[in-house]
Amino acid sequence: MKILDEFGIKEDPRFKKVFREMLMTFGLCITYTIVTLAVAWSIGMSRPPEEYSYILGFPTWFFLAIIVSPLAFFGIVIYLVTRVFKEVDLDPWLPESKEGRGE
């Protein structure tokens, strides 16, 4: 960033990592919303209620949008949290900069 270079401030590498994870989280939330609405709208609004088919006593659109898609996205969230996202140290100083402070 230009302003960081101007004042001689070194960008913290943790910011890039957590910014990428934030974008992935927002993307997942937006995708979940779009998938849920698309399934409910396309299946639920495509025919009158008298012609609905049912799965386990629920209309198909409700079962897919409210029961199946959250379970699928819950699995995606578990995968992201356990395999993709990494813990970030919240100390105010990076480990290599602690040495320079005389600690």
Protein backbone atom coordinates (compact mmCIF):
# COMPACT_ATOMS: atom_id res chain seq x y z
CA MET A 1 0.00 0.00 0.00
CA LYS A 2 1.25 3.41 -0.87
CA ILE A 3 0.58 5.10 2.47
CA LEU A 4 2.33 2.34 4.41
CA ASP A 5 5.47 2.76 2.26
CA GLU A 6 5.31 6.53 2.68
CA PHE A 7 5.53 6.29 6.47
CA GLY A 8 7.88 3.29 6.51
CA ILE A 9 5.34 0.93 8.08
CA LYS A 10 5.69 -2.75 7.31
CA GLU A 11 2.37 -4.45 6.55
CA ASP A 12 1.51 -7.24 8.95
CA PRO A 13 1.37 -10.53 6.96
CA ARG A 14 -1.47 -11.74 9.20
CA PHE A 15 -3.78 -9.20 7.56
CA LYS A 16 -3.50 -10.84 4.13
CA LYS A 17 -4.30 -14.23 5.61
CA VAL A 18 -7.33 -13.16 7.61
CA PHE A 19 -8.57 -10.94 4.76
CA ARG A 20 -8.58 -13.98 2.46
CA GLU A 21 -10.45 -16.01 5.09
CA MET A 22 -12.95 -13.17 5.50
CA LEU A 23 -13.61 -13.11 1.75
CA MET A 24 -14.11 -16.88 1.76
CA THR A 25 -16.59 -16.57 4.64
CA PHE A 26 -18.56 -13.79 2.94
CA GLY A 27 -18.57 -15.78 -0.30
CA LEU A 28 -19.90 -18.82 1.52
CA CYS A 29 -22.68 -16.79 3.16
CA ILE A 30 -23.69 -15.21 -0.14
CA THR A 31 -23.60 -18.59 -1.91
CA TYR A 32 -25.73 -20.16 0.83
CA THR A 33 -28.31 -17.40 0.53
CA ILE A 34 -28.45 -17.64 -3.26
CA VAL A 35 -28.71 -21.45 -3.27
CA THR A 36 -31.44 -21.50 -0.62
CA LEU A 37 -33.49 -18.82 -2.33
CA ALA A 38 -32.98 -20.33 -5.79
CA VAL A 39 -34.11 -23.77 -4.65
CA ALA A 40 -37.13 -22.43 -2.77
CA TRP A 41 -38.11 -20.05 -5.56
CA SER A 42 -37.58 -22.40 -8.50
CA ILE A 43 -39.20 -25.49 -7.00
CA GLY A 44 -41.74 -23.82 -4.73
CA MET A 45 -43.01 -21.18 -7.13
CA SER A 46 -42.99 -23.29 -10.28
CA ARG A 47 -46.34 -24.96 -9.56
CA PRO A 48 -49.41 -24.43 -7.41
CA PRO A 49 -49.48 -25.92 -3.88
CA GLU A 50 -51.99 -28.58 -4.94
CA GLU A 51 -49.33 -30.17 -7.17
CA TYR A 52 -46.48 -30.27 -4.62
CA SER A 53 -44.62 -33.50 -4.03
CA TYR A 54 -43.57 -34.36 -0.49
CA ILE A 55 -40.44 -35.79 1.17
CA LEU A 56 -40.83 -36.95 4.80
CA GLY A 57 -44.05 -34.96 5.04
CA PHE A 58 -42.44 -31.69 3.87
CA PRO A 59 -42.97 -30.10 0.46
CA THR A 60 -39.97 -30.85 -1.74
CA TRP A 61 -38.92 -27.20 -2.00
CA PHE A 62 -39.02 -26.80 1.79
CA PHE A 63 -37.11 -30.02 2.41
CA LEU A 64 -34.36 -29.11 -0.05
CA ALA A 65 -34.08 -25.42 0.87
CA ILE A 66 -34.51 -25.59 4.65
CA ILE A 67 -33.19 -29.03 5.57
CA VAL A 68 -30.76 -30.31 2.90
CA SER A 69 -28.94 -27.10 1.92
CA PRO A 70 -28.11 -26.08 5.53
CA LEU A 71 -26.71 -29.56 6.16
CA ALA A 72 -24.59 -29.36 3.02
CA PHE A 73 -23.28 -25.91 3.89
CA PHE A 74 -22.67 -26.98 7.46
CA GLY A 75 -20.35 -29.65 6.06
CA ILE A 76 -18.57 -27.01 3.97
CA VAL A 77 -18.13 -24.81 7.05
CA ILE A 78 -16.67 -27.72 9.03
CA TYR A 79 -14.23 -28.41 6.20
CA LEU A 80 -13.16 -24.76 5.97
CA VAL A 81 -12.67 -24.39 9.71
CA THR A 82 -10.73 -27.62 10.16
CA ARG A 83 -8.67 -27.75 6.95
CA VAL A 84 -8.42 -24.30 5.36
CA PHE A 85 -8.56 -21.69 8.12
CA LYS A 86 -5.47 -21.52 10.33
CA GLU A 87 -5.11 -19.96 13.75
CA VAL A 88 -3.53 -16.54 13.86
CA ASP A 89 -1.53 -15.30 16.82
CA LEU A 90 -3.22 -12.21 18.26
CA ASP A 91 -0.11 -10.82 19.96
CA PRO A 92 0.46 -7.18 19.00
CA TRP A 93 4.01 -7.97 17.81
CA LEU A 94 5.18 -10.53 15.32
CA PRO A 95 7.65 -13.09 16.73
CA GLU A 96 10.59 -11.76 14.66
CA SER A 97 9.95 -8.18 15.80
CA LYS A 98 10.01 -9.19 19.49
CA GLU A 99 13.73 -9.91 19.20
CA GLY A 100 14.41 -6.37 18.03
CA ARG A 101 12.68 -4.87 21.08
CA GLY A 102 15.12 -6.47 23.52
CA GLU A 103 12.71 -8.99 25.01
